[in-house]
N, C-alpha and C. Protein backbone atom coordinates (compact mmCIF):
# COMPACT_ATOMS: atom_id res chain seq x y z
N MET A 1 6.88 -9.34 -8.66
CA MET A 1 6.62 -9.34 -9.72
C MET A 1 7.68 -7.78 -10.49
N THR A 2 7.85 -8.35 -11.96
CA THR A 2 8.45 -6.43 -11.89
C THR A 2 7.69 -6.59 -13.51
N LYS A 3 7.76 -4.90 -13.53
CA LYS A 3 7.64 -4.52 -15.24
C LYS A 3 6.97 -5.40 -16.18
N ALA A 4 7.92 -6.06 -16.64
CA ALA A 4 8.66 -6.69 -17.49
C ALA A 4 7.59 -8.20 -17.18
N GLU A 5 7.53 -8.69 -15.97
CA GLU A 5 6.11 -9.46 -15.76
C GLU A 5 4.84 -8.90 -15.95
N ILE A 6 4.59 -7.80 -15.70
CA ILE A 6 3.03 -7.86 -15.61
C ILE A 6 2.53 -7.28 -17.12
N VAL A 7 3.42 -7.26 -17.74
CA VAL A 7 3.16 -6.95 -19.21
C VAL A 7 3.36 -7.78 -20.23
N ASN A 8 4.00 -8.69 -19.80
CA ASN A 8 4.26 -9.98 -20.12
C ASN A 8 2.43 -11.05 -20.10
N ASN A 9 2.30 -11.31 -18.54
CA ASN A 9 0.86 -10.92 -18.85
C ASN A 9 -0.06 -10.40 -18.89
N ILE A 10 -0.38 -9.69 -18.83
CA ILE A 10 -1.58 -8.57 -20.12
C ILE A 10 -1.46 -9.00 -21.04
N SER A 11 -0.35 -8.50 -21.44
CA SER A 11 -0.06 -9.35 -23.32
C SER A 11 -0.42 -10.20 -23.55
N SER A 12 -0.13 -11.35 -23.04
CA SER A 12 -0.57 -13.16 -22.98
C SER A 12 -2.30 -13.44 -22.58
N LYS A 13 -3.14 -12.08 -21.86
CA LYS A 13 -4.31 -13.24 -21.58
C LYS A 13 -5.06 -11.56 -22.29
N LEU A 14 -4.51 -10.75 -22.99
CA LEU A 14 -5.35 -9.78 -24.45
C LEU A 14 -5.10 -10.23 -25.65
N GLY A 15 -3.61 -11.11 -25.30
CA GLY A 15 -3.48 -11.22 -27.31
C GLY A 15 -2.75 -10.18 -28.18
N LEU A 16 -2.04 -9.39 -27.57
CA LEU A 16 -1.55 -8.13 -27.73
C LEU A 16 -0.32 -7.96 -27.97
N GLU A 17 0.29 -7.71 -28.42
CA GLU A 17 2.47 -7.01 -28.69
C GLU A 17 2.30 -7.00 -27.16
N LYS A 18 3.38 -6.92 -27.06
CA LYS A 18 4.27 -7.07 -25.86
C LYS A 18 5.07 -5.42 -26.19
N SER A 19 5.19 -4.73 -26.93
CA SER A 19 5.39 -3.46 -27.10
C SER A 19 4.05 -2.59 -27.43
N ASP A 20 3.37 -2.83 -27.23
CA ASP A 20 1.49 -2.20 -27.30
C ASP A 20 1.54 -1.90 -25.87
N THR A 21 1.51 -3.03 -24.89
CA THR A 21 1.22 -3.95 -23.88
C THR A 21 1.93 -2.75 -22.64
N GLN A 22 3.96 -2.66 -23.51
CA GLN A 22 4.69 -1.44 -22.40
C GLN A 22 4.05 -0.48 -22.41
N ARG A 23 3.48 -0.04 -24.04
CA ARG A 23 3.60 1.46 -23.94
C ARG A 23 2.52 1.83 -22.81
N VAL A 24 1.86 0.89 -22.82
CA VAL A 24 0.31 0.92 -21.89
C VAL A 24 0.41 1.38 -20.62
N VAL A 25 0.62 0.04 -19.71
CA VAL A 25 1.79 0.08 -18.38
C VAL A 25 2.70 1.28 -18.57
N GLU A 26 3.57 1.85 -19.26
CA GLU A 26 4.61 2.85 -19.15
C GLU A 26 3.82 3.91 -18.94
N SER A 27 2.04 4.30 -20.06
CA SER A 27 1.58 5.75 -20.44
C SER A 27 0.96 5.71 -19.01
N PHE A 28 0.49 4.90 -17.87
CA PHE A 28 -0.88 4.28 -17.04
C PHE A 28 0.23 5.09 -15.78
N MET A 29 1.87 4.60 -15.67
CA MET A 29 2.90 5.03 -14.68
C MET A 29 2.72 6.87 -15.06
N ASP A 30 2.99 6.98 -16.36
CA ASP A 30 3.66 8.24 -16.38
C ASP A 30 2.27 8.85 -16.12
N GLU A 31 1.08 8.46 -16.05
CA GLU A 31 -0.08 9.87 -16.11
C GLU A 31 -0.39 9.73 -14.26
N VAL A 32 -0.30 8.47 -13.93
CA VAL A 32 -0.35 8.67 -11.91
C VAL A 32 1.01 9.21 -11.15
N ILE A 33 1.98 10.00 -11.54
CA ILE A 33 3.00 10.07 -11.83
C ILE A 33 2.84 11.83 -12.04
N LYS A 34 2.19 12.02 -13.02
CA LYS A 34 1.98 13.51 -13.30
C LYS A 34 1.16 13.66 -12.76
N SER A 35 0.13 13.28 -12.31
CA SER A 35 -0.84 13.81 -11.52
C SER A 35 -0.70 14.25 -9.77
N LEU A 36 0.14 13.55 -9.99
CA LEU A 36 0.34 13.79 -8.73
C LEU A 36 1.18 14.51 -8.12
N GLU A 37 2.74 15.06 -9.19
CA GLU A 37 3.48 16.54 -9.21
C GLU A 37 2.28 17.73 -9.28
N SER A 38 1.77 17.29 -10.54
CA SER A 38 0.83 18.43 -10.30
C SER A 38 -0.80 19.01 -9.37
N GLY A 39 -0.10 17.75 -8.33
CA GLY A 39 -1.06 18.19 -6.82
C GLY A 39 -2.12 17.39 -6.80
N GLU A 40 -2.70 16.60 -7.68
CA GLU A 40 -4.32 15.52 -7.81
C GLU A 40 -3.80 14.37 -7.17
N ASN A 41 -4.55 13.69 -6.86
CA ASN A 41 -4.62 12.81 -6.29
C ASN A 41 -5.24 11.30 -7.70
N VAL A 42 -4.55 10.22 -7.86
CA VAL A 42 -5.38 9.12 -8.43
C VAL A 42 -6.26 8.50 -7.62
N TYR A 43 -7.68 8.12 -8.04
CA TYR A 43 -7.98 7.53 -7.25
C TYR A 43 -8.74 6.40 -8.23
N LEU A 44 -8.51 5.13 -7.37
CA LEU A 44 -8.73 3.46 -8.44
C LEU A 44 -9.55 2.50 -7.88
N ARG A 45 -11.38 2.97 -7.66
CA ARG A 45 -12.28 2.11 -7.82
C ARG A 45 -11.84 1.05 -7.36
N GLY A 46 -11.70 -0.37 -6.79
CA GLY A 46 -11.22 -1.37 -6.24
C GLY A 46 -10.09 -1.69 -6.25
N PHE A 47 -8.94 -0.79 -6.47
CA PHE A 47 -7.76 -1.56 -6.31
C PHE A 47 -7.02 -0.70 -5.12
N GLY A 48 -7.35 1.07 -5.24
CA GLY A 48 -6.67 2.11 -4.41
C GLY A 48 -6.43 2.96 -4.71
N SER A 49 -6.75 4.41 -3.82
CA SER A 49 -5.32 5.27 -4.25
C SER A 49 -3.90 5.82 -4.09
N PHE A 50 -3.92 6.65 -4.24
CA PHE A 50 -2.48 7.74 -5.22
C PHE A 50 -2.29 9.13 -4.18
N THR A 51 -1.57 8.84 -3.15
CA THR A 51 -2.66 10.21 -2.33
C THR A 51 -0.81 10.89 -2.04
N ILE A 52 -0.96 12.49 -2.15
CA ILE A 52 0.00 12.81 -1.60
C ILE A 52 0.13 13.17 0.08
N LYS A 53 1.06 12.72 0.97
CA LYS A 53 1.11 13.35 1.91
C LYS A 53 2.31 14.32 2.34
N THR A 54 2.23 15.36 3.00
CA THR A 54 3.13 15.59 3.65
C THR A 54 3.83 15.40 5.03
N ARG A 55 5.08 15.77 4.50
CA ARG A 55 6.19 14.64 5.89
C ARG A 55 6.64 15.84 6.68
N ALA A 56 6.50 16.30 8.33
CA ALA A 56 6.78 17.27 8.22
C ALA A 56 7.89 17.56 9.18
N GLU A 57 8.23 19.07 9.70
CA GLU A 57 9.92 19.40 9.81
C GLU A 57 10.43 18.90 11.35
N LYS A 58 11.52 17.56 10.64
CA LYS A 58 11.75 17.36 12.12
C LYS A 58 13.70 17.46 12.05
N THR A 59 14.26 16.89 12.86
CA THR A 59 15.46 17.42 13.48
C THR A 59 15.78 15.72 13.21
N GLY A 60 16.92 15.06 12.79
CA GLY A 60 17.62 14.64 12.33
C GLY A 60 18.69 14.10 12.94
N ARG A 61 19.54 13.39 12.27
CA ARG A 61 21.07 12.66 13.00
C ARG A 61 22.23 13.07 12.27
N ASN A 62 22.98 12.77 11.81
CA ASN A 62 24.58 12.58 10.80
C ASN A 62 25.04 12.16 11.78
N ILE A 63 24.97 10.96 11.00
CA ILE A 63 25.77 9.45 11.85
C ILE A 63 27.45 9.92 12.11
N THR A 64 28.03 10.09 11.06
CA THR A 64 29.21 10.40 10.30
C THR A 64 29.73 11.27 11.20
N LYS A 65 29.31 12.69 11.31
CA LYS A 65 29.71 13.50 12.22
C LYS A 65 28.83 13.49 13.31
N GLY A 66 28.14 13.07 13.84
CA GLY A 66 27.68 13.30 14.62
C GLY A 66 26.47 14.51 15.50
N THR A 67 26.01 14.83 14.61
CA THR A 67 25.30 15.85 14.52
C THR A 67 24.21 16.05 13.97
N SER A 68 23.39 17.27 14.48
CA SER A 68 21.70 17.30 14.71
C SER A 68 21.72 18.60 13.46
N ILE A 69 20.86 17.54 12.24
CA ILE A 69 20.22 18.30 11.14
C ILE A 69 19.14 18.70 10.71
N ILE A 70 18.50 19.70 10.85
CA ILE A 70 17.20 19.73 11.07
C ILE A 70 16.42 19.25 9.19
N ILE A 71 16.19 18.16 8.86
CA ILE A 71 15.31 17.69 7.95
C ILE A 71 13.85 18.43 7.14
N PRO A 72 14.07 19.44 6.38
CA PRO A 72 12.46 20.33 6.22
C PRO A 72 11.55 19.59 5.77
N ALA A 73 10.29 19.97 5.79
CA ALA A 73 8.78 19.77 5.45
C ALA A 73 8.85 19.08 4.05
N HIS A 74 8.45 18.17 3.77
CA HIS A 74 8.73 17.71 2.58
C HIS A 74 7.14 16.78 1.99
N ASN A 75 6.67 16.40 0.51
CA ASN A 75 5.93 15.57 0.32
C ASN A 75 6.52 14.81 -0.56
N VAL A 76 5.52 13.56 0.24
CA VAL A 76 5.94 11.70 -0.55
C VAL A 76 4.52 11.67 -1.11
N PRO A 77 4.67 10.70 -2.32
CA PRO A 77 4.05 9.87 -2.89
C PRO A 77 3.30 8.88 -1.66
N ALA A 78 2.53 8.18 -1.69
CA ALA A 78 1.74 7.26 -0.81
C ALA A 78 0.47 6.45 -1.77
N PHE A 79 0.69 5.38 -1.43
CA PHE A 79 -0.47 4.44 -2.12
C PHE A 79 -1.55 3.86 -0.75
N LYS A 80 -2.90 4.25 -0.82
CA LYS A 80 -3.51 3.10 -0.56
C LYS A 80 -4.56 2.38 -0.60
N PRO A 81 -4.11 1.26 -0.31
CA PRO A 81 -4.79 -0.43 -1.13
C PRO A 81 -6.19 -0.41 -0.81
N ALA A 82 -7.07 -0.66 -1.52
CA ALA A 82 -8.68 -0.34 -1.31
C ALA A 82 -8.90 -1.81 -0.45
N LYS A 83 -10.33 -1.44 0.63
CA LYS A 83 -10.69 -2.44 0.94
C LYS A 83 -10.49 -3.93 0.65
N SER A 84 -11.46 -3.59 -0.09
CA SER A 84 -11.87 -4.69 -1.33
C SER A 84 -10.16 -5.42 -1.73
N PHE A 85 -9.57 -4.88 -1.61
CA PHE A 85 -7.86 -5.51 -2.23
C PHE A 85 -7.01 -6.09 -0.81
N VAL A 86 -7.71 -5.07 -0.06
CA VAL A 86 -6.51 -5.65 1.31
C VAL A 86 -7.38 -6.34 1.99
N ASP A 87 -8.93 -7.02 1.83
CA ASP A 87 -9.63 -8.14 2.08
C ASP A 87 -9.48 -9.42 1.05
N SER A 88 -8.93 -9.16 0.21
CA SER A 88 -8.32 -10.69 -0.69
C SER A 88 -7.61 -10.89 -0.94
N VAL A 89 -5.91 -9.63 0.00
CA VAL A 89 -4.85 -10.34 0.25
C VAL A 89 -4.32 -11.60 1.62
N LYS A 90 -5.93 -10.42 2.73
CA LYS A 90 -5.97 -11.61 3.88
C LYS A 90 -6.25 -13.36 3.35
N GLU A 91 -7.05 -12.29 2.61
CA GLU A 91 -7.96 -13.90 2.52
C GLU A 91 -6.97 -14.88 1.46
N LYS A 92 -5.92 -14.80 0.49
CA LYS A 92 -5.51 -15.54 -0.06
C LYS A 92 -4.07 -16.47 0.15
N VAL A 93 -3.75 -14.91 1.31
CA VAL A 93 -1.82 -14.99 1.30
C VAL A 93 -1.99 -15.69 2.95
N ALA A 94 -0.95 -17.04 2.90
CA ALA A 94 -0.76 -17.50 4.48
C ALA A 94 -0.03 -16.55 5.14
N VAL A 95 0.14 -16.55 6.23
CA VAL A 95 0.62 -15.89 7.07
C VAL A 95 2.03 -16.52 6.91
N LYS A 96 3.13 -15.89 6.91
CA LYS A 96 4.55 -16.47 7.29
C LYS A 96 5.44 -16.68 8.60
């Protein structure tokens, strides 16, 4: 599902204009990004948590040159779904 599909679904369910719904969806995403950029985690009860994970420094390989490189420690955003979210997906989606 794309952002456009999410906007279409929400606007049709709530009877709102697509442009208004798109601004709300984009504002939500901007707030999540701003919170993570400022070092704050975002917790949405029943949905999940957007957190910051720290990756340790490690040695990698530059395949084209055949040399080792040091990849510095860095932070990455992560999402952990809520237990109810996970259970719902397990129950409703068939294993392929």
